[in-house]
Amino acid sequence: MHQNAPVRRRAETLDYIQSMLGQLRQMAEVERCHMLAYLIEMAYIEAGDILRGERPSVVRRDERNPSA
């Protein structure tokens, strides 16, 4: 297997996830589920940030929830 295959597969998976999130966001907006549309939009943006390498794909538990 080619060395870049896992990286390419990961990028393709994230691209697919982002595409599905975009469609879900549109559906939520049509149904006037504004908070749901907003939360899906945040996930859509996060997926894009990960794809561009601007955000890590893994966040340690203590970084996610400092009170835990």
N, C-alpha and C. Protein backbone atom coordinates (compact mmCIF):
# COMPACT_ATOMS: atom_id res chain seq x y z
N MET A 1 0.85 -1.18 0.00
CA MET A 1 0.00 0.00 0.00
C MET A 1 0.89 1.24 0.00
N HIS A 2 0.48 2.23 -0.73
CA HIS A 2 1.25 3.45 -0.85
C HIS A 2 1.27 4.20 0.47
N GLN A 3 2.38 4.84 0.76
CA GLN A 3 2.58 5.51 2.05
C GLN A 3 1.56 6.62 2.31
N ASN A 4 1.11 7.32 1.28
CA ASN A 4 0.16 8.42 1.47
C ASN A 4 -1.29 7.97 1.47
N ALA A 5 -1.54 6.68 1.26
CA ALA A 5 -2.92 6.17 1.18
C ALA A 5 -3.72 6.46 2.46
N PRO A 6 -3.18 6.21 3.66
CA PRO A 6 -3.97 6.52 4.87
C PRO A 6 -4.30 8.00 4.98
N VAL A 7 -3.37 8.86 4.61
CA VAL A 7 -3.61 10.31 4.67
C VAL A 7 -4.69 10.70 3.67
N ARG A 8 -4.60 10.15 2.46
CA ARG A 8 -5.59 10.45 1.43
C ARG A 8 -6.96 9.92 1.84
N ARG A 9 -7.01 8.70 2.39
CA ARG A 9 -8.28 8.12 2.84
C ARG A 9 -8.90 8.97 3.94
N ARG A 10 -8.07 9.44 4.86
CA ARG A 10 -8.56 10.29 5.95
C ARG A 10 -9.14 11.58 5.39
N ALA A 11 -8.43 12.19 4.45
CA ALA A 11 -8.91 13.44 3.84
C ALA A 11 -10.23 13.20 3.10
N GLU A 12 -10.32 12.08 2.39
CA GLU A 12 -11.56 11.75 1.68
C GLU A 12 -12.71 11.55 2.66
N THR A 13 -12.43 10.89 3.78
CA THR A 13 -13.46 10.67 4.80
C THR A 13 -13.92 11.99 5.39
N LEU A 14 -12.98 12.86 5.74
CA LEU A 14 -13.34 14.16 6.30
C LEU A 14 -14.10 15.01 5.29
N ASP A 15 -13.72 14.93 4.03
CA ASP A 15 -14.43 15.66 2.98
C ASP A 15 -15.87 15.17 2.87
N TYR A 16 -16.06 13.85 2.95
CA TYR A 16 -17.40 13.26 2.91
C TYR A 16 -18.22 13.71 4.12
N ILE A 17 -17.61 13.67 5.28
CA ILE A 17 -18.30 14.11 6.50
C ILE A 17 -18.74 15.56 6.36
N GLN A 18 -17.85 16.40 5.87
CA GLN A 18 -18.18 17.82 5.72
C GLN A 18 -19.32 18.00 4.71
N SER A 19 -19.30 17.23 3.65
CA SER A 19 -20.38 17.31 2.66
C SER A 19 -21.72 16.91 3.28
N MET A 20 -21.73 15.84 4.04
CA MET A 20 -22.96 15.38 4.68
C MET A 20 -23.45 16.43 5.70
N LEU A 21 -22.52 17.02 6.44
CA LEU A 21 -22.89 18.05 7.41
C LEU A 21 -23.52 19.25 6.70
N GLY A 22 -22.99 19.60 5.54
CA GLY A 22 -23.58 20.71 4.77
C GLY A 22 -25.02 20.40 4.39
N GLN A 23 -25.27 19.18 3.97
CA GLN A 23 -26.63 18.79 3.60
C GLN A 23 -27.55 18.76 4.82
N LEU A 24 -27.05 18.25 5.94
CA LEU A 24 -27.84 18.23 7.17
C LEU A 24 -28.15 19.64 7.64
N ARG A 25 -27.18 20.54 7.52
CA ARG A 25 -27.40 21.94 7.92
C ARG A 25 -28.54 22.54 7.10
N GLN A 26 -28.52 22.31 5.79
CA GLN A 26 -29.58 22.83 4.92
C GLN A 26 -30.94 22.28 5.32
N MET A 27 -30.99 20.99 5.63
CA MET A 27 -32.25 20.38 6.05
C MET A 27 -32.75 21.00 7.35
N ALA A 28 -31.85 21.21 8.30
CA ALA A 28 -32.22 21.81 9.58
C ALA A 28 -32.73 23.24 9.38
N GLU A 29 -32.08 23.98 8.48
CA GLU A 29 -32.53 25.35 8.20
C GLU A 29 -33.92 25.37 7.58
N VAL A 30 -34.18 24.46 6.64
CA VAL A 30 -35.50 24.38 6.00
C VAL A 30 -36.57 24.10 7.04
N GLU A 31 -36.24 23.27 8.01
CA GLU A 31 -37.20 22.92 9.07
C GLU A 31 -37.22 23.95 10.20
N ARG A 32 -36.47 25.02 10.04
CA ARG A 32 -36.38 26.11 11.03
C ARG A 32 -35.90 25.62 12.40
N CYS A 33 -34.98 24.68 12.37
CA CYS A 33 -34.34 24.19 13.59
C CYS A 33 -33.02 24.95 13.73
N HIS A 34 -33.14 26.19 14.17
CA HIS A 34 -32.00 27.12 14.13
C HIS A 34 -30.83 26.68 15.00
N MET A 35 -31.10 26.20 16.20
CA MET A 35 -30.00 25.77 17.06
C MET A 35 -29.32 24.54 16.47
N LEU A 36 -30.09 23.61 15.97
CA LEU A 36 -29.53 22.42 15.35
C LEU A 36 -28.70 22.81 14.12
N ALA A 37 -29.21 23.72 13.31
CA ALA A 37 -28.46 24.18 12.13
C ALA A 37 -27.15 24.83 12.56
N TYR A 38 -27.19 25.60 13.63
CA TYR A 38 -25.98 26.25 14.14
C TYR A 38 -24.95 25.22 14.60
N LEU A 39 -25.39 24.23 15.35
CA LEU A 39 -24.46 23.20 15.85
C LEU A 39 -23.87 22.40 14.70
N ILE A 40 -24.68 22.08 13.72
CA ILE A 40 -24.17 21.37 12.54
C ILE A 40 -23.18 22.24 11.80
N GLU A 41 -23.45 23.54 11.71
CA GLU A 41 -22.52 24.47 11.06
C GLU A 41 -21.17 24.47 11.78
N MET A 42 -21.18 24.43 13.10
CA MET A 42 -19.93 24.39 13.86
C MET A 42 -19.14 23.12 13.53
N ALA A 43 -19.84 22.00 13.42
CA ALA A 43 -19.17 20.74 13.05
C ALA A 43 -18.64 20.83 11.61
N TYR A 44 -19.39 21.46 10.72
CA TYR A 44 -18.96 21.65 9.33
C TYR A 44 -17.67 22.47 9.28
N ILE A 45 -17.64 23.55 10.04
CA ILE A 45 -16.44 24.41 10.10
C ILE A 45 -15.27 23.64 10.69
N GLU A 46 -15.51 22.89 11.74
CA GLU A 46 -14.46 22.09 12.39
C GLU A 46 -13.86 21.09 11.41
N ALA A 47 -14.71 20.41 10.64
CA ALA A 47 -14.22 19.45 9.65
C ALA A 47 -13.33 20.15 8.62
N GLY A 48 -13.74 21.33 8.19
CA GLY A 48 -12.92 22.10 7.24
C GLY A 48 -11.60 22.52 7.84
N ASP A 49 -11.63 22.94 9.09
CA ASP A 49 -10.38 23.33 9.76
C ASP A 49 -9.42 22.15 9.87
N ILE A 50 -9.94 20.99 10.20
CA ILE A 50 -9.10 19.79 10.30
C ILE A 50 -8.51 19.46 8.94
N LEU A 51 -9.33 19.53 7.90
CA LEU A 51 -8.86 19.24 6.54
C LEU A 51 -7.71 20.18 6.14
N ARG A 52 -7.82 21.44 6.51
CA ARG A 52 -6.78 22.41 6.16
C ARG A 52 -5.59 22.36 7.11
N GLY A 53 -5.68 21.53 8.14
CA GLY A 53 -4.58 21.41 9.09
C GLY A 53 -4.54 22.55 10.11
N GLU A 54 -5.64 23.27 10.23
CA GLU A 54 -5.70 24.40 11.16
C GLU A 54 -6.10 23.99 12.57
N ARG A 55 -6.65 22.78 12.72
CA ARG A 55 -7.08 22.29 14.02
C ARG A 55 -6.66 20.84 14.15
N PRO A 56 -6.30 20.41 15.34
CA PRO A 56 -5.99 18.99 15.52
C PRO A 56 -7.27 18.17 15.44
N SER A 57 -7.16 16.94 15.00
CA SER A 57 -8.33 16.08 14.93
C SER A 57 -8.60 15.41 16.28
N VAL A 58 -7.64 15.47 17.19
CA VAL A 58 -7.78 14.85 18.50
C VAL A 58 -7.56 15.91 19.57
N VAL A 59 -8.47 15.97 20.52
CA VAL A 59 -8.34 16.88 21.65
C VAL A 59 -8.34 16.01 22.90
N ARG A 60 -7.30 16.19 23.72
CA ARG A 60 -7.24 15.41 24.95
C ARG A 60 -8.43 15.74 25.83
N ARG A 61 -8.86 14.78 26.63
CA ARG A 61 -10.03 14.95 27.47
C ARG A 61 -9.91 16.17 28.38
N ASP A 62 -8.75 16.41 28.97
CA ASP A 62 -8.59 17.54 29.88
C ASP A 62 -8.65 18.87 29.14
N GLU A 63 -8.39 18.89 27.83
CA GLU A 63 -8.52 20.12 27.06
C GLU A 63 -9.97 20.40 26.70
N ARG A 64 -10.76 19.33 26.53
CA ARG A 64 -12.17 19.46 26.18
C ARG A 64 -12.99 19.92 27.37
N ASN A 65 -12.68 19.36 28.52
CA ASN A 65 -13.49 19.62 29.71
C ASN A 65 -12.57 19.85 30.90
N PRO A 66 -12.13 21.10 31.07
CA PRO A 66 -11.16 21.37 32.14
C PRO A 66 -11.66 21.06 33.54
N SER A 67 -12.98 20.97 33.74
CA SER A 67 -13.49 20.70 35.09
C SER A 67 -13.52 19.22 35.42
N ALA A 68 -13.22 18.36 34.44
CA ALA A 68 -13.26 16.91 34.67
C ALA A 68 -12.02 16.43 35.39
